[in-house]
Amino acid sequence: MVKGVSRRVIVIKSPDQHLFEEAIFIVKEDALQSGGVTGEDIIKQAQEVADRYVRCHLKKRLLPRLPAPAFAFLGAAVTALVWYLTQYL
């Protein structure tokens, strides 16, 4: 069931759709009526929020993305090295 509620929304399209396609912001009813705030100000703030979100959630990884077989090989190599050092040293 859909009620007759109307909302003002801002849709920010992502320039790089690798992370997200678009961000949707719901604008408060009194944001434009209170004065001193323009539509451009609201869009600028929405873009800043989207940029901050992306920067926060894209921290550099300590380990690069390696395929699972590479991790299995590295694990086996480390295990063999530890086994060798405990047996012969």
C-alpha atoms as a PDB file:
ATOM      1  CA  MET A   1       0.000   0.000   0.000  1.00  0.00           C
ATOM      2  CA  VAL A   2       1.322   3.433  -0.919  1.00  0.00           C
ATOM      3  CA  LYS A   3       0.409   6.471   1.140  1.00  0.00           C
ATOM      4  CA  GLY A   4       0.177   9.942  -0.292  1.00  0.00           C
ATOM      5  CA  VAL A   5       3.427  11.182   1.213  1.00  0.00           C
ATOM      6  CA  SER A   6       5.679  13.285  -0.949  1.00  0.00           C
ATOM      7  CA  ARG A   7       9.403  13.604  -0.202  1.00  0.00           C
ATOM      8  CA  ARG A   8      12.114  15.681  -1.765  1.00  0.00           C
ATOM      9  CA  VAL A   9      15.094  13.576  -2.668  1.00  0.00           C
ATOM     10  CA  ILE A  10      18.512  14.204  -4.168  1.00  0.00           C
ATOM     11  CA  VAL A  11      20.094  11.460  -6.236  1.00  0.00           C
ATOM     12  CA  ILE A  12      23.867  11.713  -6.646  1.00  0.00           C
ATOM     13  CA  LYS A  13      25.188   9.593  -9.509  1.00  0.00           C
ATOM     14  CA  SER A  14      28.606   8.058  -8.995  1.00  0.00           C
ATOM     15  CA  PRO A  15      31.281   8.982 -11.536  1.00  0.00           C
ATOM     16  CA  ASP A  16      32.932   5.609 -10.915  1.00  0.00           C
ATOM     17  CA  GLN A  17      30.241   2.946 -10.696  1.00  0.00           C
ATOM     18  CA  HIS A  18      32.697   0.395  -9.322  1.00  0.00           C
ATOM     19  CA  LEU A  19      31.649   1.237  -5.757  1.00  0.00           C
ATOM     20  CA  PHE A  20      28.049   2.377  -6.036  1.00  0.00           C
ATOM     21  CA  GLU A  21      25.675   3.492  -8.745  1.00  0.00           C
ATOM     22  CA  GLU A  22      23.958   6.296  -6.908  1.00  0.00           C
ATOM     23  CA  ALA A  23      23.357   7.751  -3.460  1.00  0.00           C
ATOM     24  CA  ILE A  24      19.879   8.860  -2.455  1.00  0.00           C
ATOM     25  CA  PHE A  25      19.399  11.628   0.124  1.00  0.00           C
ATOM     26  CA  ILE A  26      16.025  12.545   1.601  1.00  0.00           C
ATOM     27  CA  VAL A  27      15.849  16.294   2.203  1.00  0.00           C
ATOM     28  CA  LYS A  28      14.097  17.619   5.305  1.00  0.00           C
ATOM     29  CA  GLU A  29      10.851  19.428   4.581  1.00  0.00           C
ATOM     30  CA  ASP A  30      11.958  22.650   6.249  1.00  0.00           C
ATOM     31  CA  ALA A  31      15.476  22.706   4.753  1.00  0.00           C
ATOM     32  CA  LEU A  32      14.613  25.049   1.899  1.00  0.00           C
ATOM     33  CA  GLN A  33      11.897  26.937   3.766  1.00  0.00           C
ATOM     34  CA  SER A  34      14.077  27.993   6.710  1.00  0.00           C
ATOM     35  CA  GLY A  35      16.037  30.372   4.498  1.00  0.00           C
ATOM     36  CA  GLY A  36      19.747  30.827   3.972  1.00  0.00           C
ATOM     37  CA  VAL A  37      20.076  27.443   2.267  1.00  0.00           C
ATOM     38  CA  THR A  38      19.979  27.063  -1.487  1.00  0.00           C
ATOM     39  CA  GLY A  39      19.516  23.982  -3.588  1.00  0.00           C
ATOM     40  CA  GLU A  40      23.173  24.188  -4.550  1.00  0.00           C
ATOM     41  CA  ASP A  41      24.169  24.121  -0.855  1.00  0.00           C
ATOM     42  CA  ILE A  42      22.142  20.961  -0.304  1.00  0.00           C
ATOM     43  CA  ILE A  43      23.651  19.234  -3.349  1.00  0.00           C
ATOM     44  CA  LYS A  44      27.166  20.274  -2.273  1.00  0.00           C
ATOM     45  CA  GLN A  45      26.611  18.836   1.221  1.00  0.00           C
ATOM     46  CA  ALA A  46      25.214  15.595  -0.225  1.00  0.00           C
ATOM     47  CA  GLN A  47      28.299  15.230  -2.448  1.00  0.00           C
ATOM     48  CA  GLU A  48      30.605  15.869   0.529  1.00  0.00           C
ATOM     49  CA  VAL A  49      28.819  13.205   2.586  1.00  0.00           C
ATOM     50  CA  ALA A  50      29.135  10.700  -0.261  1.00  0.00           C
ATOM     51  CA  ASP A  51      32.855  11.531  -0.663  1.00  0.00           C
ATOM     52  CA  ARG A  52      33.489  11.107   3.082  1.00  0.00           C
ATOM     53  CA  TYR A  53      31.700   7.752   3.078  1.00  0.00           C
ATOM     54  CA  VAL A  54      33.830   6.460   0.221  1.00  0.00           C
ATOM     55  CA  ARG A  55      37.074   7.686   1.816  1.00  0.00           C
ATOM     56  CA  CYS A  56      36.204   6.098   5.174  1.00  0.00           C
ATOM     57  CA  HIS A  57      35.287   2.741   3.725  1.00  0.00           C
ATOM     58  CA  LEU A  58      38.182   2.436   1.282  1.00  0.00           C
ATOM     59  CA  LYS A  59      41.061   2.008   3.679  1.00  0.00           C
ATOM     60  CA  LYS A  60      44.205   0.530   2.213  1.00  0.00           C
ATOM     61  CA  ARG A  61      44.483  -3.162   2.832  1.00  0.00           C
ATOM     62  CA  LEU A  62      47.506  -4.591   4.622  1.00  0.00           C
ATOM     63  CA  LEU A  63      47.595  -7.589   2.311  1.00  0.00           C
ATOM     64  CA  PRO A  64      46.965  -7.196  -1.387  1.00  0.00           C
ATOM     65  CA  ARG A  65      44.113  -9.094  -2.944  1.00  0.00           C
ATOM     66  CA  LEU A  66      45.549 -12.472  -3.796  1.00  0.00           C
ATOM     67  CA  PRO A  67      43.696 -15.466  -5.164  1.00  0.00           C
ATOM     68  CA  ALA A  68      42.883 -18.283  -2.741  1.00  0.00           C
ATOM     69  CA  PRO A  69      45.509 -20.706  -4.172  1.00  0.00           C
ATOM     70  CA  ALA A  70      48.233 -18.140  -3.459  1.00  0.00           C
ATOM     71  CA  PHE A  71      47.148 -17.918   0.196  1.00  0.00           C
ATOM     72  CA  ALA A  72      47.070 -21.728   0.395  1.00  0.00           C
ATOM     73  CA  PHE A  73      50.602 -21.915  -1.026  1.00  0.00           C
ATOM     74  CA  LEU A  74      51.874 -19.253   1.379  1.00  0.00           C
ATOM     75  CA  GLY A  75      50.250 -21.040   4.322  1.00  0.00           C
ATOM     76  CA  ALA A  76      51.816 -24.350   3.317  1.00  0.00           C
ATOM     77  CA  ALA A  77      55.225 -22.715   2.889  1.00  0.00           C
ATOM     78  CA  VAL A  78      55.087 -21.054   6.306  1.00  0.00           C
ATOM     79  CA  THR A  79      53.952 -24.323   7.909  1.00  0.00           C
ATOM     80  CA  ALA A  80      56.803 -26.226   6.246  1.00  0.00           C
ATOM     81  CA  LEU A  81      59.314 -23.612   7.387  1.00  0.00           C
ATOM     82  CA  VAL A  82      58.058 -23.725  10.982  1.00  0.00           C
ATOM     83  CA  TRP A  83      58.066 -27.530  10.949  1.00  0.00           C
ATOM     84  CA  TYR A  84      61.630 -27.585   9.561  1.00  0.00           C
ATOM     85  CA  LEU A  85      62.890 -25.081  12.160  1.00  0.00           C
ATOM     86  CA  THR A  86      61.320 -26.995  15.074  1.00  0.00           C
ATOM     87  CA  GLN A  87      62.649 -30.379  13.901  1.00  0.00           C
ATOM     88  CA  TYR A  88      66.194 -29.568  12.868  1.00  0.00           C
ATOM     89  CA  LEU A  89      67.226 -26.575  14.955  1.00  0.00           C
END
